[in-house]
Protein backbone atom coordinates (compact mmCIF):
# COMPACT_ATOMS: atom_id res chain seq x y z
CA MET A 1 -27.60 -0.20 4.43
CA LYS A 2 -24.15 1.30 4.92
CA LYS A 3 -21.36 -0.24 2.86
CA THR A 4 -18.02 0.15 4.62
CA SER A 5 -14.49 0.08 3.29
CA LEU A 6 -10.87 0.02 4.39
CA VAL A 7 -8.52 2.03 2.16
CA LEU A 8 -4.73 1.64 2.45
CA GLU A 9 -1.99 3.78 0.92
CA GLY A 10 1.47 2.38 0.14
CA GLY A 11 4.64 4.09 1.31
CA GLY A 12 7.45 1.53 1.38
CA LEU A 13 9.00 1.21 4.83
CA ARG A 14 6.62 3.90 6.09
CA GLY A 15 3.96 1.20 5.86
CA ALA A 16 4.98 0.17 9.38
CA PHE A 17 2.45 2.81 10.44
CA THR A 18 -0.26 0.99 8.47
CA ALA A 19 0.75 -2.36 9.98
CA GLY A 20 0.30 -0.99 13.50
CA ALA A 21 -3.07 0.50 12.61
CA LEU A 22 -4.24 -2.83 11.19
CA ALA A 23 -3.12 -4.62 14.35
CA TRP A 24 -5.48 -2.31 16.26
CA LEU A 25 -8.33 -3.29 13.93
CA ILE A 26 -7.62 -6.97 14.59
CA ASP A 27 -7.53 -6.42 18.35
CA ASN A 28 -10.85 -4.59 18.21
CA ASP A 29 -12.51 -7.08 15.85
CA ILE A 30 -13.45 -4.44 13.27
CA SER A 31 -14.36 -5.68 9.81
CA PHE A 32 -15.47 -4.12 6.53
CA ASP A 33 -17.53 -4.89 3.46
CA ASN A 34 -14.71 -3.92 1.07
CA ALA A 35 -10.96 -3.33 1.35
CA TYR A 36 -8.39 -1.82 -1.01
CA GLY A 37 -4.59 -1.92 -0.88
CA ILE A 38 -1.89 -0.21 -2.90
CA SER A 39 1.80 -1.22 -2.90
CA THR A 40 2.96 -2.14 0.63
CA GLY A 41 -0.59 -1.42 1.72
CA ALA A 42 -1.54 -4.54 -0.26
CA VAL A 43 1.00 -6.66 1.65
CA TYR A 44 -0.30 -5.50 5.01
CA LEU A 45 -3.89 -5.87 3.84
CA ALA A 46 -3.12 -9.54 3.10
CA ASN A 47 -1.97 -10.09 6.67
CA TYR A 48 -4.94 -8.18 8.08
CA LEU A 49 -7.27 -10.47 6.10
CA ILE A 50 -5.81 -13.59 7.70
CA LYS A 51 -5.64 -11.84 11.11
CA ASP A 52 -1.91 -12.42 11.51
CA LYS A 53 -0.67 -9.72 13.88
CA GLN A 54 2.72 -11.35 14.28
CA LYS A 55 3.48 -11.13 10.57
CA LEU A 56 2.25 -7.54 10.49
CA PHE A 57 4.84 -6.73 13.14
CA ASP A 58 7.66 -8.90 11.82
CA ILE A 59 7.38 -7.82 8.18
CA SER A 60 7.05 -4.12 8.92
CA THR A 61 9.66 -3.74 11.67
CA LYS A 62 12.26 -6.48 11.20
CA TYR A 63 12.22 -7.97 7.76
CA ILE A 64 11.33 -5.26 5.25
CA ASN A 65 14.54 -3.25 5.74
CA ASP A 66 16.87 -6.22 5.21
CA LYS A 67 20.02 -4.83 3.55
CA ARG A 68 20.15 -7.99 1.46
CA ASP A 69 17.08 -6.76 -0.44
CA ILE A 70 17.18 -2.95 -0.22
CA GLY A 71 20.10 -0.70 -1.10
CA ILE A 72 23.58 -1.25 -2.51
CA ARG A 73 23.64 -5.06 -2.27
CA PRO A 74 20.65 -5.70 -4.54
CA LEU A 75 21.83 -2.89 -6.83
CA LEU A 76 25.12 -4.72 -7.36
CA ARG A 77 23.40 -8.09 -7.62
CA THR A 78 20.37 -7.26 -9.77
CA GLY A 79 20.85 -3.73 -11.10
CA ARG A 80 17.91 -2.50 -8.99
CA LEU A 81 17.72 -0.85 -5.56
CA VAL A 82 15.16 -3.40 -4.38
CA ASP A 83 15.25 -7.14 -5.07
CA TYR A 84 11.53 -7.86 -4.92
CA ASP A 85 12.00 -11.50 -5.96
CA ASP A 86 14.22 -12.24 -2.97
CA LEU A 87 12.05 -10.12 -0.70
CA PHE A 88 8.90 -12.05 -1.52
CA TYR A 89 10.04 -15.59 -2.34
CA ARG A 90 13.00 -16.19 -0.03
CA GLY A 91 11.77 -13.93 2.72
CA LEU A 92 8.03 -13.48 2.83
CA ARG A 93 7.13 -16.97 1.60
CA ASP A 94 9.99 -19.28 2.64
CA PHE A 95 11.42 -17.60 5.74
CA LEU A 96 8.29 -16.01 7.26
CA GLY A 97 5.86 -18.65 6.02
CA PHE A 98 3.42 -16.28 4.34
CA ASP A 99 0.74 -18.37 2.60
CA MET A 100 -1.12 -16.73 -0.28
CA ASP A 101 -3.60 -19.60 -0.31
CA LEU A 102 -4.93 -18.44 3.07
CA VAL A 103 -5.53 -14.96 1.66
CA ASN A 104 -7.32 -16.39 -1.38
CA LYS A 105 -9.80 -18.18 0.89
CA VAL A 106 -10.96 -14.98 2.63
CA LYS A 107 -14.37 -14.00 1.21
CA LYS A 108 -15.11 -10.98 3.36
CA PRO A 109 -14.20 -8.20 3.09
CA TYR A 110 -14.25 -8.17 -0.69
CA SER A 111 -10.64 -7.06 -1.21
CA GLN A 112 -8.79 -5.67 -4.20
CA ILE A 113 -5.24 -4.55 -4.94
CA GLY A 114 -4.04 -2.06 -7.55
CA LEU A 115 -1.77 -3.21 -10.40
CA TYR A 116 -0.32 -0.90 -13.05
CA GLU A 117 -0.48 -2.88 -16.30
CA LEU A 118 1.95 -1.57 -18.89
CA GLU A 119 -0.04 -2.99 -21.80
CA GLN A 120 -3.07 -0.95 -20.76
CA GLY A 121 -1.11 1.99 -19.43
CA LYS A 122 -3.27 2.29 -16.33
CA THR A 123 -3.94 0.90 -12.86
CA VAL A 124 -6.41 -1.96 -12.72
CA TYR A 125 -7.80 -3.69 -9.66
CA LYS A 126 -7.85 -7.41 -9.01
CA ASP A 127 -9.85 -9.44 -6.53
CA PHE A 128 -7.44 -10.53 -3.78
CA SER A 129 -9.07 -13.97 -3.64
CA LYS A 130 -7.81 -14.59 -7.18
CA CYS A 131 -4.32 -13.08 -6.84
CA SER A 132 -1.06 -15.00 -6.96
CA LEU A 133 2.04 -14.21 -4.95
CA ASP A 134 3.56 -12.99 -8.24
CA GLU A 135 0.79 -10.40 -8.56
CA LEU A 136 1.13 -9.30 -4.95
CA LYS A 137 4.85 -8.81 -5.54
CA ALA A 138 4.15 -6.97 -8.80
CA SER A 139 1.72 -4.61 -7.04
CA THR A 140 4.57 -3.34 -4.84
CA SER A 141 7.29 -3.08 -7.54
CA LEU A 142 8.24 0.56 -7.84
CA PRO A 143 9.25 1.82 -11.30
CA ILE A 144 13.03 2.05 -11.88
CA ILE A 145 13.69 0.85 -8.31
CA GLY A 146 12.35 -2.64 -9.07
CA LYS A 147 11.91 -4.84 -12.09
CA ILE A 148 8.76 -5.43 -14.09
CA THR A 149 6.88 -8.60 -13.14
CA GLU A 150 5.34 -10.67 -15.93
CA CYS A 151 2.11 -12.46 -14.97
CA GLU A 152 0.24 -14.44 -17.60
CA GLY A 153 1.50 -12.22 -20.39
CA ARG A 154 0.84 -8.98 -18.50
CA HIS A 155 3.70 -6.70 -17.43
CA ILE A 156 2.99 -5.16 -14.05
CA LEU A 157 4.31 -2.47 -11.72
CA ASP A 158 3.11 -0.70 -8.55
CA GLY A 159 -0.47 0.59 -8.79
CA GLY A 160 0.63 3.69 -6.88
CA ILE A 161 1.84 5.17 -10.17
CA THR A 162 -1.67 6.61 -10.50
CA ASP A 163 -3.70 5.53 -7.44
CA MET A 164 -1.57 6.40 -4.45
CA ILE A 165 -4.60 6.24 -2.16
CA PRO A 166 -7.36 4.04 -3.64
CA ILE A 167 -10.24 6.13 -2.30
CA GLU A 168 -11.69 6.79 -5.76
CA LYS A 169 -12.05 3.05 -6.34
CA SER A 170 -13.79 2.66 -2.99
CA VAL A 171 -16.32 5.37 -3.89
CA GLU A 172 -16.76 3.96 -7.40
CA ASP A 173 -17.66 0.58 -5.88
CA GLY A 174 -20.47 2.13 -3.87
CA CYS A 175 -18.89 2.30 -0.43
CA ASP A 176 -20.28 5.16 1.66
CA ARG A 177 -18.27 4.78 4.88
CA HIS A 178 -14.49 4.73 4.61
CA LEU A 179 -11.57 4.23 6.97
CA ILE A 180 -8.53 5.60 5.16
CA ILE A 181 -5.02 4.90 6.49
CA THR A 182 -2.15 6.85 4.93
CA THR A 183 1.56 6.96 5.68
CA LYS A 184 2.13 10.67 5.22
CA PRO A 185 1.24 13.56 7.53
CA TYR A 186 -2.00 15.52 7.20
CA ASP A 187 -0.37 18.55 5.59
CA TYR A 188 1.83 16.62 3.13
CA VAL A 189 1.96 18.11 -0.37
CA ARG A 190 3.40 15.96 -3.16
CA LYS A 191 5.82 17.81 -5.43
CA PRO A 192 5.71 17.50 -9.23
CA ALA A 193 8.00 14.86 -10.70
CA LYS A 194 11.25 16.21 -12.08
CA GLU A 195 11.68 16.32 -15.84
CA PHE A 196 14.57 13.88 -15.54
CA VAL A 197 12.27 11.32 -13.90
CA ILE A 198 9.67 11.76 -16.65
CA TRP A 199 12.39 11.32 -19.29
CA LEU A 200 13.66 8.22 -17.47
CA MET A 201 10.18 6.71 -17.54
CA LYS A 202 10.00 7.18 -21.30
CA LYS A 203 13.39 5.56 -21.82
CA THR A 204 12.87 2.69 -19.40
CA TYR A 205 9.34 1.76 -20.47
CA PRO A 206 9.10 2.53 -24.22
CA MET A 207 6.30 -0.05 -24.53
CA CYS A 208 4.01 2.14 -22.39
CA GLU A 209 3.39 5.68 -23.61
CA ASN A 210 1.12 6.54 -20.68
CA ILE A 211 3.54 5.99 -17.81
CA SER A 212 5.58 9.17 -18.33
CA GLU A 213 2.43 11.27 -18.51
CA ASP A 214 1.05 9.54 -15.44
CA TYR A 215 4.20 10.62 -13.61
CA ARG A 216 3.85 14.15 -14.92
CA VAL A 217 0.40 14.48 -13.31
CA ARG A 218 1.02 12.22 -10.32
CA HIS A 219 1.11 15.07 -7.82
CA ILE A 220 -2.20 16.37 -9.21
CA ASN A 221 -3.84 12.95 -8.85
CA TYR A 222 -2.55 12.67 -5.30
CA GLN A 223 -4.03 16.01 -4.28
CA LYS A 224 -7.35 15.00 -5.87
CA GLN A 225 -7.36 11.86 -3.76
CA ILE A 226 -6.55 13.81 -0.62
CA GLY A 227 -9.23 16.36 -1.52
CA LEU A 228 -11.83 13.62 -1.87
CA ILE A 229 -10.83 12.12 1.48
CA LYS A 230 -11.19 15.46 3.25
CA GLU A 231 -14.54 16.07 1.56
CA LEU A 232 -15.82 12.69 2.75
CA GLU A 233 -14.43 13.42 6.21
CA GLU A 234 -16.32 16.73 6.38
CA LYS A 235 -19.54 14.93 5.43
CA GLY A 236 -19.05 12.42 8.24
CA ARG A 237 -18.48 9.56 5.81
CA ALA A 238 -14.80 8.92 6.50
CA VAL A 239 -12.19 8.69 9.21
CA TYR A 240 -8.79 9.72 7.90
CA ILE A 241 -5.87 8.21 9.83
CA TYR A 242 -2.36 9.57 9.32
CA PRO A 243 0.87 9.75 11.38
CA THR A 244 0.55 12.40 14.08
CA LYS A 245 4.27 12.49 14.78
CA THR A 246 7.27 12.99 12.53
CA SER A 247 9.29 9.86 11.80
CA LYS A 248 12.79 9.43 10.38
CA VAL A 249 11.59 6.44 8.36
CA SER A 250 11.63 7.06 4.60
CA ARG A 251 10.31 5.00 1.71
CA LEU A 252 13.51 2.92 1.59
CA GLY A 253 15.28 3.69 4.86
CA GLY A 254 14.84 3.23 8.59
CA THR A 255 16.27 1.25 11.50
CA CYS A 256 14.39 -1.57 13.19
CA GLU A 257 13.92 0.68 16.22
CA GLN A 258 12.47 3.50 14.11
CA LEU A 259 10.16 1.09 12.33
CA ALA A 260 8.93 -0.34 15.64
CA GLU A 261 8.21 3.19 16.86
CA LEU A 262 6.23 3.90 13.69
CA TYR A 263 4.29 0.66 14.13
CA GLU A 264 3.40 1.65 17.69
CA LEU A 265 2.40 5.12 16.48
CA GLY A 266 -0.03 3.53 14.00
CA TYR A 267 -1.59 1.49 16.80
CA GLN A 268 -1.78 4.46 19.19
CA ASP A 269 -3.18 6.88 16.60
CA MET A 270 -6.02 4.42 16.02
CA GLU A 271 -6.63 4.07 19.75
CA ASN A 272 -6.69 7.85 20.15
CA ARG A 273 -9.52 8.02 17.61
CA ARG A 274 -11.39 4.98 18.87
CA GLU A 275 -14.73 6.74 19.32
CA GLU A 276 -14.67 8.23 15.82
CA ILE A 277 -13.89 4.89 14.25
CA LEU A 278 -16.48 2.96 16.22
CA SER A 279 -19.12 5.62 15.58
CA LEU A 280 -18.47 5.63 11.83
CA PHE A 281 -19.04 1.89 11.60
CA GLY A 282 -21.95 1.75 14.02
CA LYS A 283 -20.13 -0.02 16.82
């Protein structure tokens, strides 16, 4: 029997594309056996699991680019470009009413998010039904840009340090049909990290020897993940969804109008490939 999976890349504000694509899945009542989310992909996966289209739209197009939490204001207030604590606790939980307990109760699909644990020096995956809001926040916390989150003695950052697209985990778990949603164009090539960035990782995280090396080979890992996706696509075992139009939205920048356009692009790109998606999952 086919085992299906949903695989979501991160991408910061570019995740508005993912949010729109997930709204299409909700509208078309498409479900999976497994699901995997990295960084902002984990946040949107949470809202897909509870079938909350309104939060998918509101978080990705209105709330996520709040200047209170991204840019110069949090830098002056916290010493970091993104205030993840305020973003998640004041905003996501208190203002938008996001309830992690609802996510924990979802049993299908079996869903996991990637967490980079500094003690282990690698990305590990955790069952979404057992995750706290702290861990969801931690899974999106970019190195340098955000602070480390401590959860039960573990020190955690964004799982995208190594697993930018969690397709390898999906294959490892025995899934043989994959819907992969990324936030970068088809021909995107990740550049090697600059030596300054690698040096900064060493200085900022002296407790973790692996993180600087993981950054040194990050572009290689990314191309391996893309290569695997394209191989699965050629074998008829995957549908690879990516933005078909250029957007001015960056990881940390974009207007509400630009984000709404990217959200709509995600929805429309899914609709344009309706037959492929339905055929892959036997609909």
